[in-house]
Amino acid sequence: MSSVTFYKWSDVPLENVTPVLDRKLITGERMMLAQVFLKKGCVVPRHQHHNEQLTYILEGALRFWIGEDESEIQDVHAGEVLYIPANVWHKAEALEDTLDLDVFSPPREDWLKKTDDYLRR
């Protein structure tokens, strides 16, 4: 039987990924919740993953380029959500200082193991 776990974001450690990107992670068995803090101008390079992703912008705005050729552009502002299916190429840039809440299913193993080299460059 699984147990219920309570979290306070203030108790979750902040991981400094790059000088312009920090995050906090909470992981269950089949999903992950991440607070991602991006400074204006931060670029998340083009990548894809087998995880489904929901990105909910709490503060600020991100511009996404979708597809291997980056032909689709979508701006997502505070109060808006972007769903990215598994294996879809995407890239993002913070249009201003941004706090987003990402949900992944299954959890991002590369984030947990810190093997997300595409992000750490």
PDB file of N, CA and C in Angstrom:
ATOM      1  N   MET A   1       0.840  -1.187   0.000  1.00  0.00           N
ATOM      2  CA  MET A   1       0.000   0.000   0.000  1.00  0.00           C
ATOM      3  C   MET A   1       0.885   1.250   0.000  1.00  0.00           C
ATOM      4  N   SER A   2       0.596   2.187  -0.880  1.00  0.00           N
ATOM      5  CA  SER A   2       1.364   3.430  -0.962  1.00  0.00           C
ATOM      6  C   SER A   2       0.996   4.362   0.167  1.00  0.00           C
ATOM      7  N   SER A   3       1.949   5.189   0.542  1.00  0.00           N
ATOM      8  CA  SER A   3       1.673   6.158   1.590  1.00  0.00           C
ATOM      9  C   SER A   3       1.538   7.555   0.993  1.00  0.00           C
ATOM     10  N   VAL A   4       0.760   8.373   1.640  1.00  0.00           N
ATOM     11  CA  VAL A   4       0.553   9.760   1.238  1.00  0.00           C
ATOM     12  C   VAL A   4       1.733  10.572   1.759  1.00  0.00           C
ATOM     13  N   THR A   5       2.239  11.489   0.940  1.00  0.00           N
ATOM     14  CA  THR A   5       3.374  12.324   1.330  1.00  0.00           C
ATOM     15  C   THR A   5       2.996  13.787   1.176  1.00  0.00           C
ATOM     16  N   PHE A   6       3.313  14.588   2.173  1.00  0.00           N
ATOM     17  CA  PHE A   6       3.040  16.023   2.166  1.00  0.00           C
ATOM     18  C   PHE A   6       4.348  16.766   1.902  1.00  0.00           C
ATOM     19  N   TYR A   7       4.308  17.773   1.038  1.00  0.00           N
ATOM     20  CA  TYR A   7       5.482  18.579   0.721  1.00  0.00           C
ATOM     21  C   TYR A   7       5.171  20.056   0.914  1.00  0.00           C
ATOM     22  N   LYS A   8       6.182  20.821   1.322  1.00  0.00           N
ATOM     23  CA  LYS A   8       6.141  22.282   1.303  1.00  0.00           C
ATOM     24  C   LYS A   8       7.248  22.714   0.350  1.00  0.00           C
ATOM     25  N   TRP A   9       6.901  23.515  -0.663  1.00  0.00           N
ATOM     26  CA  TRP A   9       7.927  23.948  -1.613  1.00  0.00           C
ATOM     27  C   TRP A   9       9.115  24.582  -0.903  1.00  0.00           C
ATOM     28  N   SER A  10       8.857  25.283   0.200  1.00  0.00           N
ATOM     29  CA  SER A  10       9.952  25.942   0.917  1.00  0.00           C
ATOM     30  C   SER A  10      10.950  24.945   1.497  1.00  0.00           C
ATOM     31  N   ASP A  11      10.550  23.675   1.650  1.00  0.00           N
ATOM     32  CA  ASP A  11      11.448  22.644   2.175  1.00  0.00           C
ATOM     33  C   ASP A  11      12.144  21.842   1.080  1.00  0.00           C
ATOM     34  N   VAL A  12      11.698  22.004  -0.160  1.00  0.00           N
ATOM     35  CA  VAL A  12      12.287  21.253  -1.267  1.00  0.00           C
ATOM     36  C   VAL A  12      13.573  21.960  -1.699  1.00  0.00           C
ATOM     37  N   PRO A  13      14.695  21.215  -1.809  1.00  0.00           N
ATOM     38  CA  PRO A  13      15.963  21.859  -2.172  1.00  0.00           C
ATOM     39  C   PRO A  13      15.918  22.480  -3.569  1.00  0.00           C
ATOM     40  N   LEU A  14      16.551  23.636  -3.683  1.00  0.00           N
ATOM     41  CA  LEU A  14      16.667  24.327  -4.960  1.00  0.00           C
ATOM     42  C   LEU A  14      17.935  23.840  -5.649  1.00  0.00           C
ATOM     43  N   GLU A  15      17.784  23.336  -6.878  1.00  0.00           N
ATOM     44  CA  GLU A  15      18.930  22.886  -7.661  1.00  0.00           C
ATOM     45  C   GLU A  15      19.303  23.971  -8.653  1.00  0.00           C
ATOM     46  N   ASN A  16      20.553  24.418  -8.596  1.00  0.00           N
ATOM     47  CA  ASN A  16      21.056  25.400  -9.553  1.00  0.00           C
ATOM     48  C   ASN A  16      21.585  24.629 -10.757  1.00  0.00           C
ATOM     49  N   VAL A  17      20.839  24.655 -11.854  1.00  0.00           N
ATOM     50  CA  VAL A  17      21.211  23.899 -13.054  1.00  0.00           C
ATOM     51  C   VAL A  17      22.204  24.689 -13.897  1.00  0.00           C
ATOM     52  N   THR A  18      21.916  25.980 -14.106  1.00  0.00           N
ATOM     53  CA  THR A  18      22.814  26.899 -14.817  1.00  0.00           C
ATOM     54  C   THR A  18      22.682  28.247 -14.119  1.00  0.00           C
ATOM     55  N   PRO A  19      23.500  29.219 -14.485  1.00  0.00           N
ATOM     56  CA  PRO A  19      23.354  30.547 -13.871  1.00  0.00           C
ATOM     57  C   PRO A  19      21.989  31.193 -14.119  1.00  0.00           C
ATOM     58  N   VAL A  20      21.229  30.713 -15.124  1.00  0.00           N
ATOM     59  CA  VAL A  20      19.937  31.324 -15.437  1.00  0.00           C
ATOM     60  C   VAL A  20      18.753  30.374 -15.264  1.00  0.00           C
ATOM     61  N   LEU A  21      18.993  29.185 -14.693  1.00  0.00           N
ATOM     62  CA  LEU A  21      17.923  28.210 -14.521  1.00  0.00           C
ATOM     63  C   LEU A  21      18.102  27.434 -13.223  1.00  0.00           C
ATOM     64  N   ASP A  22      17.066  27.476 -12.389  1.00  0.00           N
ATOM     65  CA  ASP A  22      17.020  26.707 -11.146  1.00  0.00           C
ATOM     66  C   ASP A  22      15.738  25.896 -11.139  1.00  0.00           C
ATOM     67  N   ARG A  23      15.703  24.839 -10.306  1.00  0.00           N
ATOM     68  CA  ARG A  23      14.476  24.045 -10.227  1.00  0.00           C
ATOM     69  C   ARG A  23      14.373  23.324  -8.895  1.00  0.00           C
ATOM     70  N   LYS A  24      13.129  22.937  -8.588  1.00  0.00           N
ATOM     71  CA  LYS A  24      12.800  22.107  -7.437  1.00  0.00           C
ATOM     72  C   LYS A  24      11.956  20.954  -7.961  1.00  0.00           C
ATOM     73  N   LEU A  25      12.216  19.738  -7.484  1.00  0.00           N
ATOM     74  CA  LEU A  25      11.531  18.552  -7.993  1.00  0.00           C
ATOM     75  C   LEU A  25      10.817  17.791  -6.895  1.00  0.00           C
ATOM     76  N   ILE A  26       9.611  17.354  -7.207  1.00  0.00           N
ATOM     77  CA  ILE A  26       8.850  16.428  -6.362  1.00  0.00           C
ATOM     78  C   ILE A  26       8.442  15.279  -7.271  1.00  0.00           C
ATOM     79  N   THR A  27       8.742  14.057  -6.851  1.00  0.00           N
ATOM     80  CA  THR A  27       8.512  12.906  -7.717  1.00  0.00           C
ATOM     81  C   THR A  27       7.666  11.850  -7.023  1.00  0.00           C
ATOM     82  N   GLY A  28       6.688  11.340  -7.760  1.00  0.00           N
ATOM     83  CA  GLY A  28       5.920  10.185  -7.344  1.00  0.00           C
ATOM     84  C   GLY A  28       6.397   8.981  -8.137  1.00  0.00           C
ATOM     85  N   GLU A  29       5.631   7.909  -8.110  1.00  0.00           N
ATOM     86  CA  GLU A  29       6.024   6.716  -8.851  1.00  0.00           C
ATOM     87  C   GLU A  29       5.905   6.917 -10.356  1.00  0.00           C
ATOM     88  N   ARG A  30       4.859   7.620 -10.811  1.00  0.00           N
ATOM     89  CA  ARG A  30       4.602   7.736 -12.242  1.00  0.00           C
ATOM     90  C   ARG A  30       4.480   9.163 -12.739  1.00  0.00           C
ATOM     91  N   MET A  31       4.790  10.138 -11.878  1.00  0.00           N
ATOM     92  CA  MET A  31       4.746  11.526 -12.325  1.00  0.00           C
ATOM     93  C   MET A  31       5.748  12.363 -11.545  1.00  0.00           C
ATOM     94  N   MET A  32       6.069  13.507 -12.117  1.00  0.00           N
ATOM     95  CA  MET A  32       7.001  14.444 -11.500  1.00  0.00           C
ATOM     96  C   MET A  32       6.412  15.841 -11.606  1.00  0.00           C
ATOM     97  N   LEU A  33       6.586  16.628 -10.544  1.00  0.00           N
ATOM     98  CA  LEU A  33       6.186  18.022 -10.510  1.00  0.00           C
ATOM     99  C   LEU A  33       7.452  18.837 -10.288  1.00  0.00           C
ATOM    100  N   ALA A  34       7.662  19.849 -11.126  1.00  0.00           N
ATOM    101  CA  ALA A  34       8.876  20.653 -11.021  1.00  0.00           C
ATOM    102  C   ALA A  34       8.539  22.130 -11.050  1.00  0.00           C
ATOM    103  N   GLN A  35       9.109  22.866 -10.104  1.00  0.00           N
ATOM    104  CA  GLN A  35       9.103  24.323 -10.190  1.00  0.00           C
ATOM    105  C   GLN A  35      10.368  24.680 -10.952  1.00  0.00           C
ATOM    106  N   VAL A  36      10.231  25.444 -12.025  1.00  0.00           N
ATOM    107  CA  VAL A  36      11.382  25.833 -12.827  1.00  0.00           C
ATOM    108  C   VAL A  36      11.455  27.360 -12.850  1.00  0.00           C
ATOM    109  N   PHE A  37      12.598  27.877 -12.435  1.00  0.00           N
ATOM    110  CA  PHE A  37      12.840  29.319 -12.355  1.00  0.00           C
ATOM    111  C   PHE A  37      13.806  29.690 -13.478  1.00  0.00           C
ATOM    112  N   LEU A  38      13.343  30.508 -14.427  1.00  0.00           N
ATOM    113  CA  LEU A  38      14.171  30.899 -15.573  1.00  0.00           C
ATOM    114  C   LEU A  38      14.335  32.408 -15.582  1.00  0.00           C
ATOM    115  N   LYS A  39      15.564  32.852 -15.724  1.00  0.00           N
ATOM    116  CA  LYS A  39      15.802  34.286 -15.856  1.00  0.00           C
ATOM    117  C   LYS A  39      15.564  34.703 -17.312  1.00  0.00           C
ATOM    118  N   LYS A  40      15.165  35.951 -17.503  1.00  0.00           N
ATOM    119  CA  LYS A  40      14.903  36.468 -18.855  1.00  0.00           C
ATOM    120  C   LYS A  40      16.083  36.145 -19.762  1.00  0.00           C
ATOM    121  N   GLY A  41      15.782  35.618 -20.948  1.00  0.00           N
ATOM    122  CA  GLY A  41      16.817  35.269 -21.910  1.00  0.00           C
ATOM    123  C   GLY A  41      17.313  33.840 -21.817  1.00  0.00           C
ATOM    124  N   CYS A  42      16.949  33.134 -20.757  1.00  0.00           N
ATOM    125  CA  CYS A  42      17.346  31.733 -20.608  1.00  0.00           C
ATOM    126  C   CYS A  42      16.770  30.922 -21.769  1.00  0.00           C
ATOM    127  N   VAL A  43      17.615  30.134 -22.415  1.00  0.00           N
ATOM    128  CA  VAL A  43      17.177  29.279 -23.517  1.00  0.00           C
ATOM    129  C   VAL A  43      17.302  27.821 -23.084  1.00  0.00           C
ATOM    130  N   VAL A  44      16.205  27.096 -23.226  1.00  0.00           N
ATOM    131  CA  VAL A  44      16.213  25.647 -23.055  1.00  0.00           C
ATOM    132  C   VAL A  44      16.387  25.078 -24.457  1.00  0.00           C
ATOM    133  N   PRO A  45      17.559  24.479 -24.751  1.00  0.00           N
ATOM    134  CA  PRO A  45      17.839  24.027 -26.118  1.00  0.00           C
ATOM    135  C   PRO A  45      16.823  23.009 -26.627  1.00  0.00           C
ATOM    136  N   ARG A  46      16.744  22.899 -27.944  1.00  0.00           N
ATOM    137  CA  ARG A  46      15.843  21.949 -28.587  1.00  0.00           C
ATOM    138  C   ARG A  46      16.150  20.541 -28.104  1.00  0.00           C
ATOM    139  N   HIS A  47      15.090  19.842 -27.708  1.00  0.00           N
ATOM    140  CA  HIS A  47      15.229  18.474 -27.204  1.00  0.00           C
ATOM    141  C   HIS A  47      13.890  17.761 -27.323  1.00  0.00           C
ATOM    142  N   GLN A  48      13.896  16.493 -27.069  1.00  0.00           N
ATOM    143  CA  GLN A  48      12.679  15.702 -26.999  1.00  0.00           C
ATOM    144  C   GLN A  48      12.890  14.656 -25.909  1.00  0.00           C
ATOM    145  N   HIS A  49      11.785  14.111 -25.400  1.00  0.00           N
ATOM    146  CA  HIS A  49      11.854  13.070 -24.375  1.00  0.00           C
ATOM    147  C   HIS A  49      10.597  12.226 -24.464  1.00  0.00           C
ATOM    148  N   HIS A  50      10.679  11.035 -23.900  1.00  0.00           N
ATOM    149  CA  HIS A  50       9.544  10.101 -23.962  1.00  0.00           C
ATOM    150  C   HIS A  50       8.440  10.452 -22.967  1.00  0.00           C
ATOM    151  N   ASN A  51       8.662  11.497 -22.169  1.00  0.00           N
ATOM    152  CA  ASN A  51       7.697  11.910 -21.149  1.00  0.00           C
ATOM    153  C   ASN A  51       6.669  12.873 -21.736  1.00  0.00           C
ATOM    154  N   GLU A  52       5.407  12.719 -21.323  1.00  0.00           N
ATOM    155  CA  GLU A  52       4.423  13.758 -21.596  1.00  0.00           C
ATOM    156  C   GLU A  52       4.747  14.929 -20.681  1.00  0.00           C
ATOM    157  N   GLN A  53       4.438  16.139 -21.115  1.00  0.00           N
ATOM    158  CA  GLN A  53       4.761  17.327 -20.323  1.00  0.00           C
ATOM    159  C   GLN A  53       3.607  18.312 -20.354  1.00  0.00           C
ATOM    160  N   LEU A  54       3.281  18.839 -19.181  1.00  0.00           N
ATOM    161  CA  LEU A  54       2.384  19.986 -19.047  1.00  0.00           C
ATOM    162  C   LEU A  54       3.213  21.112 -18.448  1.00  0.00           C
ATOM    163  N   THR A  55       3.200  22.268 -19.076  1.00  0.00           N
ATOM    164  CA  THR A  55       3.906  23.436 -18.563  1.00  0.00           C
ATOM    165  C   THR A  55       2.882  24.508 -18.244  1.00  0.00           C
ATOM    166  N   TYR A  56       2.802  24.864 -16.960  1.00  0.00           N
ATOM    167  CA  TYR A  56       1.868  25.874 -16.471  1.00  0.00           C
ATOM    168  C   TYR A  56       2.686  27.076 -16.023  1.00  0.00           C
ATOM    169  N   ILE A  57       2.507  28.204 -16.677  1.00  0.00           N
ATOM    170  CA  ILE A  57       3.266  29.410 -16.347  1.00  0.00           C
ATOM    171  C   ILE A  57       2.570  30.126 -15.184  1.00  0.00           C
ATOM    172  N   LEU A  58       3.286  30.248 -14.081  1.00  0.00           N
ATOM    173  CA  LEU A  58       2.759  30.946 -12.905  1.00  0.00           C
ATOM    174  C   LEU A  58       3.093  32.433 -12.949  1.00  0.00           C
ATOM    175  N   GLU A  59       4.308  32.758 -13.397  1.00  0.00           N
ATOM    176  CA  GLU A  59       4.765  34.149 -13.519  1.00  0.00           C
ATOM    177  C   GLU A  59       5.630  34.247 -14.761  1.00  0.00           C
ATOM    178  N   GLY A  60       5.519  35.348 -15.493  1.00  0.00           N
ATOM    179  CA  GLY A  60       6.378  35.560 -16.645  1.00  0.00           C
ATOM    180  C   GLY A  60       5.807  34.970 -17.921  1.00  0.00           C
ATOM    181  N   ALA A  61       6.703  34.605 -18.847  1.00  0.00           N
ATOM    182  CA  ALA A  61       6.280  34.077 -20.145  1.00  0.00           C
ATOM    183  C   ALA A  61       7.421  33.303 -20.793  1.00  0.00           C
ATOM    184  N   LEU A  62       7.063  32.242 -21.511  1.00  0.00           N
ATOM    185  CA  LEU A  62       8.018  31.456 -22.284  1.00  0.00           C
ATOM    186  C   LEU A  62       7.566  31.422 -23.738  1.00  0.00           C
ATOM    187  N   ARG A  63       8.529  31.476 -24.650  1.00  0.00           N
ATOM    188  CA  ARG A  63       8.256  31.255 -26.075  1.00  0.00           C
ATOM    189  C   ARG A  63       8.770  29.861 -26.410  1.00  0.00           C
ATOM    190  N   PHE A  64       7.897  29.046 -27.009  1.00  0.00           N
ATOM    191  CA  PHE A  64       8.255  27.688 -27.412  1.00  0.00           C
ATOM    192  C   PHE A  64       8.345  27.604 -28.926  1.00  0.00           C
ATOM    193  N   TRP A  65       9.329  26.864 -29.395  1.00  0.00           N
ATOM    194  CA  TRP A  65       9.446  26.477 -30.791  1.00  0.00           C
ATOM    195  C   TRP A  65       9.176  24.978 -30.816  1.00  0.00           C
ATOM    196  N   ILE A  66       8.180  24.576 -31.571  1.00  0.00           N
ATOM    197  CA  ILE A  66       7.715  23.188 -31.581  1.00  0.00           C
ATOM    198  C   ILE A  66       8.065  22.537 -32.914  1.00  0.00           C
ATOM    199  N   GLY A  67       8.476  21.277 -32.848  1.00  0.00           N
ATOM    200  CA  GLY A  67       8.783  20.499 -34.044  1.00  0.00           C
ATOM    201  C   GLY A  67      10.270  20.447 -34.309  1.00  0.00           C
ATOM    202  N   GLU A  68      10.688  19.419 -35.025  1.00  0.00           N
ATOM    203  CA  GLU A  68      12.108  19.260 -35.327  1.00  0.00           C
ATOM    204  C   GLU A  68      12.650  20.451 -36.102  1.00  0.00           C
ATOM    205  N   ASP A  69      11.808  21.058 -36.939  1.00  0.00           N
ATOM    206  CA  ASP A  69      12.218  22.229 -37.714  1.00  0.00           C
ATOM    207  C   ASP A  69      11.870  23.544 -37.012  1.00  0.00           C
ATOM    208  N   GLU A  70      11.320  23.443 -35.792  1.00  0.00           N
ATOM    209  CA  GLU A  70      10.963  24.618 -34.969  1.00  0.00           C
ATOM    210  C   GLU A  70       9.999  25.555 -35.697  1.00  0.00           C
ATOM    211  N   SER A  71       9.147  24.992 -36.572  1.00  0.00           N
ATOM    212  CA  SER A  71       8.276  25.818 -37.410  1.00  0.00           C
ATOM    213  C   SER A  71       7.059  26.373 -36.679  1.00  0.00           C
ATOM    214  N   GLU A  72       6.667  25.758 -35.578  1.00  0.00           N
ATOM    215  CA  GLU A  72       5.518  26.261 -34.819  1.00  0.00           C
ATOM    216  C   GLU A  72       6.026  27.038 -33.611  1.00  0.00           C
ATOM    217  N   ILE A  73       5.527  28.249 -33.429  1.00  0.00           N
ATOM    218  CA  ILE A  73       5.929  29.089 -32.294  1.00  0.00           C
ATOM    219  C   ILE A  73       4.705  29.362 -31.438  1.00  0.00           C
ATOM    220  N   GLN A  74       4.878  29.185 -30.127  1.00  0.00           N
ATOM    221  CA  GLN A  74       3.770  29.403 -29.194  1.00  0.00           C
ATOM    222  C   GLN A  74       4.286  30.150 -27.972  1.00  0.00           C
ATOM    223  N   ASP A  75       3.738  31.332 -27.708  1.00  0.00           N
ATOM    224  CA  ASP A  75       4.050  32.055 -26.471  1.00  0.00           C
ATOM    225  C   ASP A  75       3.063  31.617 -25.404  1.00  0.00           C
ATOM    226  N   VAL A  76       3.574  31.385 -24.193  1.00  0.00           N
ATOM    227  CA  VAL A  76       2.746  30.940 -23.076  1.00  0.00           C
ATOM    228  C   VAL A  76       3.003  31.906 -21.920  1.00  0.00           C
ATOM    229  N   HIS A  77       1.940  32.538 -21.440  1.00  0.00           N
ATOM    230  CA  HIS A  77       2.033  33.575 -20.411  1.00  0.00           C
ATOM    231  C   HIS A  77       1.439  33.082 -19.092  1.00  0.00           C
ATOM    232  N   ALA A  78       1.628  33.874 -18.050  1.00  0.00           N
ATOM    233  CA  ALA A  78       1.096  33.538 -16.723  1.00  0.00           C
ATOM    234  C   ALA A  78      -0.385  33.176 -16.841  1.00  0.00           C
ATOM    235  N   GLY A  79      -0.742  32.054 -16.214  1.00  0.00           N
ATOM    236  CA  GLY A  79      -2.119  31.588 -16.237  1.00  0.00           C
ATOM    237  C   GLY A  79      -2.425  30.654 -17.396  1.00  0.00           C
ATOM    238  N   GLU A  80      -1.439  30.400 -18.267  1.00  0.00           N
ATOM    239  CA  GLU A  80      -1.651  29.546 -19.435  1.00  0.00           C
ATOM    240  C   GLU A  80      -0.854  28.248 -19.308  1.00  0.00           C
ATOM    241  N   VAL A  81      -1.330  27.216 -20.020  1.00  0.00           N
ATOM    242  CA  VAL A  81      -0.731  25.884 -19.952  1.00  0.00           C
ATOM    243  C   VAL A  81      -0.442  25.391 -21.361  1.00  0.00           C
ATOM    244  N   LEU A  82       0.719  24.769 -21.542  1.00  0.00           N
ATOM    245  CA  LEU A  82       1.076  24.129 -22.805  1.00  0.00           C
ATOM    246  C   LEU A  82       1.262  22.639 -22.557  1.00  0.00           C
ATOM    247  N   TYR A  83       0.598  21.811 -23.366  1.00  0.00           N
ATOM    248  CA  TYR A  83       0.761  20.357 -23.307  1.00  0.00           C
ATOM    249  C   TYR A  83       1.696  19.940 -24.434  1.00  0.00           C
ATOM    250  N   ILE A  84       2.739  19.189 -24.084  1.00  0.00           N
ATOM    251  CA  ILE A  84       3.699  18.692 -25.068  1.00  0.00           C
ATOM    252  C   ILE A  84       3.655  17.168 -25.024  1.00  0.00           C
ATOM    253  N   PRO A  85       3.166  16.522 -26.077  1.00  0.00           N
ATOM    254  CA  PRO A  85       3.122  15.059 -26.099  1.00  0.00           C
ATOM    255  C   PRO A  85       4.529  14.457 -26.084  1.00  0.00           C
ATOM    256  N   ALA A  86       4.616  13.176 -25.768  1.00  0.00           N
ATOM    257  CA  ALA A  86       5.891  12.456 -25.760  1.00  0.00           C
ATOM    258  C   ALA A  86       6.555  12.546 -27.132  1.00  0.00           C
ATOM    259  N   ASN A  87       7.878  12.662 -27.114  1.00  0.00           N
ATOM    260  CA  ASN A  87       8.742  12.609 -28.303  1.00  0.00           C
ATOM    261  C   ASN A  87       8.587  13.784 -29.271  1.00  0.00           C
ATOM    262  N   VAL A  88       7.942  14.860 -28.846  1.00  0.00           N
ATOM    263  CA  VAL A  88       7.823  16.048 -29.693  1.00  0.00           C
ATOM    264  C   VAL A  88       9.025  16.968 -29.418  1.00  0.00           C
ATOM    265  N   TRP A  89       9.722  17.347 -30.480  1.00  0.00           N
ATOM    266  CA  TRP A  89      10.847  18.271 -30.342  1.00  0.00           C
ATOM    267  C   TRP A  89      10.329  19.631 -29.886  1.00  0.00           C
ATOM    268  N   HIS A  90      11.058  20.268 -28.969  1.00  0.00           N
ATOM    269  CA  HIS A  90      10.691  21.602 -28.512  1.00  0.00           C
ATOM    270  C   HIS A  90      11.901  22.324 -27.935  1.00  0.00           C
ATOM    271  N   LYS A  91      11.797  23.638 -27.944  1.00  0.00           N
ATOM    272  CA  LYS A  91      12.821  24.547 -27.423  1.00  0.00           C
ATOM    273  C   LYS A  91      12.062  25.688 -26.768  1.00  0.00           C
ATOM    274  N   ALA A  92      12.673  26.342 -25.775  1.00  0.00           N
ATOM    275  CA  ALA A  92      11.979  27.452 -25.117  1.00  0.00           C
ATOM    276  C   ALA A  92      12.959  28.571 -24.773  1.00  0.00           C
ATOM    277  N   GLU A  93      12.412  29.782 -24.690  1.00  0.00           N
ATOM    278  CA  GLU A  93      13.174  30.943 -24.224  1.00  0.00           C
ATOM    279  C   GLU A  93      12.306  31.753 -23.281  1.00  0.00           C
ATOM    280  N   ALA A  94      12.899  32.172 -22.165  1.00  0.00           N
ATOM    281  CA  ALA A  94      12.178  33.009 -21.208  1.00  0.00           C
ATOM    282  C   ALA A  94      12.125  34.437 -21.743  1.00  0.00           C
ATOM    283  N   LEU A  95      10.912  34.931 -21.973  1.00  0.00           N
ATOM    284  CA  LEU A  95      10.720  36.298 -22.477  1.00  0.00           C
ATOM    285  C   LEU A  95      10.864  37.319 -21.356  1.00  0.00           C
ATOM    286  N   GLU A  96      10.754  36.845 -20.132  1.00  0.00           N
ATOM    287  CA  GLU A  96      10.970  37.645 -18.929  1.00  0.00           C
ATOM    288  C   GLU A  96      11.291  36.662 -17.809  1.00  0.00           C
ATOM    289  N   ASP A  97      11.661  37.152 -16.637  1.00  0.00           N
ATOM    290  CA  ASP A  97      11.876  36.235 -15.521  1.00  0.00           C
ATOM    291  C   ASP A  97      10.609  35.411 -15.341  1.00  0.00           C
ATOM    292  N   THR A  98      10.748  34.097 -15.271  1.00  0.00           N
ATOM    293  CA  THR A  98       9.592  33.207 -15.336  1.00  0.00           C
ATOM    294  C   THR A  98       9.665  32.119 -14.281  1.00  0.00           C
ATOM    295  N   LEU A  99       8.508  31.811 -13.707  1.00  0.00           N
ATOM    296  CA  LEU A  99       8.335  30.646 -12.842  1.00  0.00           C
ATOM    297  C   LEU A  99       7.301  29.764 -13.515  1.00  0.00           C
ATOM    298  N   ASP A 100       7.712  28.545 -13.840  1.00  0.00           N
ATOM    299  CA  ASP A 100       6.738  27.627 -14.411  1.00  0.00           C
ATOM    300  C   ASP A 100       6.674  26.359 -13.589  1.00  0.00           C
ATOM    301  N   LEU A 101       5.553  25.708 -13.690  1.00  0.00           N
ATOM    302  CA  LEU A 101       5.309  24.444 -13.007  1.00  0.00           C
ATOM    303  C   LEU A 101       5.174  23.397 -14.098  1.00  0.00           C
ATOM    304  N   ASP A 102       6.116  22.455 -14.127  1.00  0.00           N
ATOM    305  CA  ASP A 102       6.092  21.398 -15.134  1.00  0.00           C
ATOM    306  C   ASP A 102       5.642  20.096 -14.491  1.00  0.00           C
ATOM    307  N   VAL A 103       4.785  19.373 -15.207  1.00  0.00           N
ATOM    308  CA  VAL A 103       4.359  18.039 -14.791  1.00  0.00           C
ATOM    309  C   VAL A 103       4.826  17.079 -15.877  1.00  0.00           C
ATOM    310  N   PHE A 104       5.518  16.017 -15.476  1.00  0.00           N
ATOM    311  CA  PHE A 104       6.000  15.009 -16.409  1.00  0.00           C
ATOM    312  C   PHE A 104       5.472  13.646 -16.017  1.00  0.00           C
ATOM    313  N   SER A 105       5.131  12.856 -17.014  1.00  0.00           N
ATOM    314  CA  SER A 105       4.768  11.466 -16.785  1.00  0.00           C
ATOM    315  C   SER A 105       5.377  10.629 -17.899  1.00  0.00           C
ATOM    316  N   PRO A 106       6.191   9.636 -17.562  1.00  0.00           N
ATOM    317  CA  PRO A 106       6.715   9.328 -16.239  1.00  0.00           C
ATOM    318  C   PRO A 106       7.740  10.380 -15.799  1.00  0.00           C
ATOM    319  N   PRO A 107       8.269  10.271 -14.568  1.00  0.00           N
ATOM    320  CA  PRO A 107       9.276  11.228 -14.107  1.00  0.00           C
ATOM    321  C   PRO A 107      10.480  11.287 -15.052  1.00  0.00           C
ATOM    322  N   ARG A 108      11.114  12.434 -15.113  1.00  0.00           N
ATOM    323  CA  ARG A 108      12.303  12.632 -15.947  1.00  0.00           C
ATOM    324  C   ARG A 108      13.520  12.030 -15.267  1.00  0.00           C
ATOM    325  N   GLU A 109      13.889  10.842 -15.688  1.00  0.00           N
ATOM    326  CA  GLU A 109      15.058  10.170 -15.101  1.00  0.00           C
ATOM    327  C   GLU A 109      16.335  10.981 -15.314  1.00  0.00           C
ATOM    328  N   ASP A 110      16.447  11.656 -16.475  1.00  0.00           N
ATOM    329  CA  ASP A 110      17.651  12.443 -16.735  1.00  0.00           C
ATOM    330  C   ASP A 110      17.759  13.612 -15.757  1.00  0.00           C
ATOM    331  N   TRP A 111      16.645  14.164 -15.326  1.00  0.00           N
ATOM    332  CA  TRP A 111      16.686  15.234 -14.329  1.00  0.00           C
ATOM    333  C   TRP A 111      17.071  14.673 -12.965  1.00  0.00           C
ATOM    334  N   LEU A 112      16.519  13.525 -12.620  1.00  0.00           N
ATOM    335  CA  LEU A 112      16.809  12.931 -11.315  1.00  0.00           C
ATOM    336  C   LEU A 112      18.268  12.493 -11.216  1.00  0.00           C
ATOM    337  N   LYS A 113      18.813  11.967 -12.312  1.00  0.00           N
ATOM    338  CA  LYS A 113      20.206  11.482 -12.321  1.00  0.00           C
ATOM    339  C   LYS A 113      21.191  12.573 -12.715  1.00  0.00           C
ATOM    340  N   LYS A 114      20.674  13.760 -13.051  1.00  0.00           N
ATOM    341  CA  LYS A 114      21.491  14.900 -13.473  1.00  0.00           C
ATOM    342  C   LYS A 114      22.324  14.578 -14.721  1.00  0.00           C
ATOM    343  N   THR A 115      21.701  13.851 -15.641  1.00  0.00           N
ATOM    344  CA  THR A 115      22.339  13.529 -16.916  1.00  0.00           C
ATOM    345  C   THR A 115      21.700  14.340 -18.054  1.00  0.00           C
ATOM    346  N   ASP A 116      21.026  15.413 -17.718  1.00  0.00           N
ATOM    347  CA  ASP A 116      20.359  16.271 -18.693  1.00  0.00           C
ATOM    348  C   ASP A 116      21.352  17.271 -19.282  1.00  0.00           C
ATOM    349  N   ASP A 117      22.368  16.729 -19.973  1.00  0.00           N
ATOM    350  CA  ASP A 117      23.455  17.539 -20.500  1.00  0.00           C
ATOM    351  C   ASP A 117      22.990  18.618 -21.475  1.00  0.00           C
ATOM    352  N   TYR A 118      21.920  18.355 -22.226  1.00  0.00           N
ATOM    353  CA  TYR A 118      21.407  19.350 -23.171  1.00  0.00           C
ATOM    354  C   TYR A 118      21.058  20.653 -22.455  1.00  0.00           C
ATOM    355  N   LEU A 119      20.665  20.545 -21.186  1.00  0.00           N
ATOM    356  CA  LEU A 119      20.231  21.696 -20.406  1.00  0.00           C
ATOM    357  C   LEU A 119      21.392  22.376 -19.688  1.00  0.00           C
ATOM    358  N   ARG A 120      22.409  21.619 -19.377  1.00  0.00           N
ATOM    359  CA  ARG A 120      23.522  22.112 -18.550  1.00  0.00           C
ATOM    360  C   ARG A 120      24.652  22.767 -19.340  1.00  0.00           C
ATOM    361  N   ARG A 121      24.529  22.819 -20.664  1.00  0.00           N
ATOM    362  CA  ARG A 121      25.593  23.425 -21.486  1.00  0.00           C
ATOM    363  C   ARG A 121      25.703  24.910 -21.273  1.00  0.00           C
TER     364      ARG A 121
END
